[in-house]
Amino acid sequence: MSLTKLMSFVAILISVVLYWTTANVCRYNFAIDKKTNILNVLSEEIDPSIGKAKVYYYKELNCSSVDWSFDYNRVIKNLEVVSVIVYQQLTTDIRGRSLE
């Protein structure tokens, strides 16, 4: 098996996993919103002084606004960050000392 085929397979596999996890997070957020609304209706019927439930999301996990546009500069910036992280991992030992 050539290296190109292996790299293509790994890229496709990572893309599928990324898409699956994103879809599951969005479905989970929808389920939490639905349960929160039901809880608020029940608490309003039982005793209005109880208060209402609120759901807070991390900015990165919010599925309401997804930017699907391709930004070349963002891709280059992300590749630079990843390459720096990989370089640091390859050139330092577990204690953080340089191997050079």
Protein backbone atom coordinates (compact mmCIF):
# COMPACT_ATOMS: atom_id res chain seq x y z
CA MET A 1 0.00 0.00 0.00
CA SER A 2 1.48 3.31 -1.02
CA LEU A 3 1.89 6.19 1.37
CA THR A 4 -0.47 8.38 -0.67
CA LYS A 5 -3.30 5.86 -0.36
CA LEU A 6 -2.68 5.52 3.35
CA MET A 7 -2.69 9.28 3.88
CA SER A 8 -5.90 9.62 1.83
CA PHE A 9 -7.55 6.89 3.89
CA VAL A 10 -6.55 8.56 7.16
CA ALA A 11 -7.80 11.95 5.92
CA ILE A 12 -11.17 10.45 4.94
CA LEU A 13 -11.42 8.64 8.26
CA ILE A 14 -10.68 11.82 10.24
CA SER A 15 -13.23 13.76 8.17
CA VAL A 16 -15.94 11.17 8.84
CA VAL A 17 -15.22 11.16 12.58
CA LEU A 18 -15.22 14.97 12.69
CA TYR A 19 -18.56 15.16 10.85
CA TRP A 20 -20.09 12.49 13.11
CA THR A 21 -18.99 14.21 16.33
CA THR A 22 -20.22 17.61 15.14
CA ALA A 23 -23.61 16.15 14.26
CA ASN A 24 -23.87 14.43 17.64
CA VAL A 25 -23.01 17.61 19.55
CA CYS A 26 -25.70 19.52 17.66
CA ARG A 27 -28.27 16.78 18.28
CA TYR A 28 -27.34 16.74 21.97
CA ASN A 29 -27.74 20.53 22.17
CA PHE A 30 -31.19 20.20 20.59
CA ALA A 31 -32.17 17.52 23.12
CA ILE A 32 -30.99 19.69 26.03
CA ASP A 33 -33.00 22.66 24.71
CA LYS A 34 -36.11 20.50 24.37
CA LYS A 35 -35.78 19.10 27.91
CA THR A 36 -35.12 22.59 29.30
CA ASN A 37 -38.30 23.89 27.68
CA ILE A 38 -40.31 20.98 29.12
CA LEU A 39 -38.79 21.60 32.56
CA ASN A 40 -39.67 25.30 32.37
CA VAL A 41 -43.28 24.53 31.42
CA LEU A 42 -43.59 22.05 34.30
CA SER A 43 -42.04 24.41 36.83
CA GLU A 44 -44.40 27.19 35.68
CA GLU A 45 -47.40 24.88 36.21
CA ILE A 46 -46.25 23.60 39.60
CA ASP A 47 -44.94 26.77 41.21
CA PRO A 48 -44.02 29.95 39.29
CA SER A 49 -41.70 31.08 42.10
CA ILE A 50 -39.27 28.21 41.40
CA GLY A 51 -37.66 30.00 38.50
CA LYS A 52 -36.63 28.92 35.04
CA ALA A 53 -33.85 26.67 33.83
CA LYS A 54 -31.20 28.09 31.52
CA VAL A 55 -28.76 26.34 29.24
CA TYR A 56 -25.31 27.75 28.55
CA TYR A 57 -23.13 26.59 25.68
CA TYR A 58 -19.49 27.12 25.00
CA LYS A 59 -19.00 29.37 22.01
CA GLU A 60 -17.31 26.53 20.13
CA LEU A 61 -20.19 24.11 20.78
CA ASN A 62 -22.98 26.40 19.63
CA CYS A 63 -24.54 24.99 16.45
CA SER A 64 -26.75 27.96 15.58
CA SER A 65 -24.21 29.74 13.38
CA VAL A 66 -21.83 27.57 11.42
CA ASP A 67 -19.38 29.25 9.07
CA TRP A 68 -19.00 26.92 6.08
CA SER A 69 -17.06 29.40 3.95
CA PHE A 70 -13.55 28.39 2.95
CA ASP A 71 -10.98 30.84 4.22
CA TYR A 72 -7.49 30.19 2.83
CA ASN A 73 -5.78 32.39 5.43
CA ARG A 74 -7.50 30.56 8.29
CA VAL A 75 -6.37 27.19 6.89
CA ILE A 76 -2.78 28.43 6.58
CA LYS A 77 -2.87 29.82 10.14
CA ASN A 78 -4.22 26.52 11.50
CA LEU A 79 -1.55 24.56 9.64
CA GLU A 80 1.15 26.81 11.07
CA VAL A 81 -0.17 26.29 14.61
CA VAL A 82 -0.38 22.51 14.14
CA SER A 83 3.13 22.37 12.68
CA VAL A 84 4.53 24.32 15.66
CA ILE A 85 2.79 21.98 18.11
CA VAL A 86 4.07 18.89 16.28
CA TYR A 87 7.59 20.33 16.15
CA GLN A 88 7.51 21.06 19.89
CA GLN A 89 6.34 17.53 20.63
CA LEU A 90 9.08 16.03 18.49
CA THR A 91 11.90 18.19 19.89
CA THR A 92 11.21 18.08 23.63
CA ASP A 93 11.20 15.25 26.11
CA ILE A 94 8.52 14.54 28.69
CA ARG A 95 10.02 17.04 31.17
CA GLY A 96 9.98 19.86 28.63
CA ARG A 97 13.73 19.89 28.05
CA SER A 98 15.06 20.41 24.53
CA LEU A 99 16.50 17.32 22.84
CA GLU A 100 18.97 19.33 20.76
